[in-house]
Amino acid sequence: MGRDDVWRRDEPESPCIKVCQIHPTERICVGCFRTIQEIGMWSVMSAEERREVLADLPERAGRVKRRRGGRRARRAEGGGAGTPGRGDPPKL
């Protein structure tokens, strides 16, 4: 038995990928696709409850759009450069 085997449990591990942001309209994490309640209750859920949540996650992934890349993406699309409030400052 290895040193880390002591901490290993025979239950589904958290799907957390450390990108913890709640989508403003869908109210699910954009990293793991769990609800705030599921995230908070994960440590006390049974293995079966965890498996049920994990089974739902792939379907939820389509409910949130990935970010387009912020300023870099706007510049690549041609929007933002030279526009006040976006990209480069206006030329005087």
Protein backbone atom coordinates (compact mmCIF):
# COMPACT_ATOMS: atom_id res chain seq x y z
CA MET A 1 0.00 0.00 0.00
CA GLY A 2 1.45 3.36 -1.07
CA ARG A 3 1.49 6.45 1.08
CA ASP A 4 -1.34 8.13 -0.88
CA ASP A 5 -3.53 5.02 -0.84
CA VAL A 6 -4.58 5.85 2.72
CA TRP A 7 -6.48 8.89 1.41
CA ARG A 8 -8.00 7.15 -1.62
CA ARG A 9 -11.71 6.40 -1.26
CA ASP A 10 -13.87 4.00 -3.20
CA GLU A 11 -16.31 6.65 -4.44
CA PRO A 12 -16.59 9.08 -7.35
CA GLU A 13 -14.14 11.97 -7.09
CA SER A 14 -15.13 15.58 -7.59
CA PRO A 15 -15.32 16.76 -11.21
CA CYS A 16 -13.84 20.12 -10.15
CA ILE A 17 -11.18 21.40 -12.58
CA LYS A 18 -10.41 24.54 -10.53
CA VAL A 19 -12.22 26.91 -12.92
CA CYS A 20 -14.81 27.99 -10.40
CA GLN A 21 -17.20 30.56 -11.85
CA ILE A 22 -20.97 30.42 -11.73
CA HIS A 23 -22.67 31.19 -15.05
CA PRO A 24 -24.94 34.21 -14.49
CA THR A 25 -28.06 32.79 -16.13
CA GLU A 26 -27.64 29.01 -16.00
CA ARG A 27 -26.46 29.11 -12.36
CA ILE A 28 -23.99 26.26 -12.85
CA CYS A 29 -20.20 26.25 -12.58
CA VAL A 30 -18.58 26.82 -15.99
CA GLY A 31 -15.72 24.51 -14.98
CA CYS A 32 -17.45 21.38 -13.63
CA PHE A 33 -21.11 22.13 -14.56
CA ARG A 34 -22.43 21.47 -11.04
CA THR A 35 -24.93 23.71 -9.27
CA ILE A 36 -23.89 25.67 -6.19
CA GLN A 37 -25.94 23.26 -4.06
CA GLU A 38 -24.21 20.21 -5.58
CA ILE A 39 -20.79 21.76 -5.02
CA GLY A 40 -21.61 22.53 -1.39
CA MET A 41 -23.14 19.13 -0.69
CA TRP A 42 -20.53 17.03 -2.55
CA SER A 43 -18.60 16.02 0.57
CA VAL A 44 -21.71 14.59 2.26
CA MET A 45 -23.34 12.99 -0.79
CA SER A 46 -23.48 9.24 -1.05
CA ALA A 47 -21.55 7.51 -3.83
CA GLU A 48 -24.85 6.91 -5.65
CA GLU A 49 -25.86 10.59 -5.41
CA ARG A 50 -22.46 11.58 -6.78
CA ARG A 51 -22.83 9.15 -9.69
CA GLU A 52 -26.24 10.67 -10.51
CA VAL A 53 -24.74 14.17 -10.59
CA LEU A 54 -21.80 12.99 -12.71
CA ALA A 55 -24.21 11.35 -15.18
CA ASP A 56 -26.01 14.69 -15.68
CA LEU A 57 -22.88 16.79 -16.29
CA PRO A 58 -22.29 16.06 -20.01
CA GLU A 59 -25.81 17.26 -20.83
CA ARG A 60 -25.28 20.47 -18.84
CA ALA A 61 -22.05 21.33 -20.66
CA GLY A 62 -24.02 22.54 -23.67
CA ARG A 63 -25.91 25.07 -21.55
CA VAL A 64 -22.91 27.34 -21.08
CA LYS A 65 -20.87 28.95 -23.82
CA ARG A 66 -17.14 29.08 -23.49
CA ARG A 67 -15.58 32.52 -23.47
CA ARG A 68 -14.42 33.71 -26.85
CA GLY A 69 -11.07 34.97 -25.66
CA GLY A 70 -11.75 38.53 -24.53
CA ARG A 71 -9.82 41.41 -26.06
CA ARG A 72 -7.53 39.17 -28.09
CA ALA A 73 -10.51 37.55 -29.83
CA ARG A 74 -12.18 40.91 -30.50
CA ARG A 75 -8.99 42.22 -32.09
CA ALA A 76 -8.66 39.11 -34.23
CA GLU A 77 -12.26 39.59 -35.41
CA GLY A 78 -11.55 43.23 -36.26
CA GLY A 79 -13.79 44.65 -33.56
CA GLY A 80 -12.34 46.69 -30.79
CA ALA A 81 -9.15 48.19 -32.18
CA GLY A 82 -9.48 51.96 -32.12
CA THR A 83 -12.99 51.86 -30.66
CA PRO A 84 -13.34 53.94 -27.47
CA GLY A 85 -13.79 51.72 -24.46
CA ARG A 86 -12.56 48.61 -26.27
CA GLY A 87 -9.12 47.55 -27.37
CA ASP A 88 -6.72 50.41 -28.09
CA PRO A 89 -7.43 53.96 -26.95
CA PRO A 90 -8.89 56.27 -29.63
CA LYS A 91 -6.39 58.07 -31.84
CA LEU A 92 -6.36 61.84 -31.34
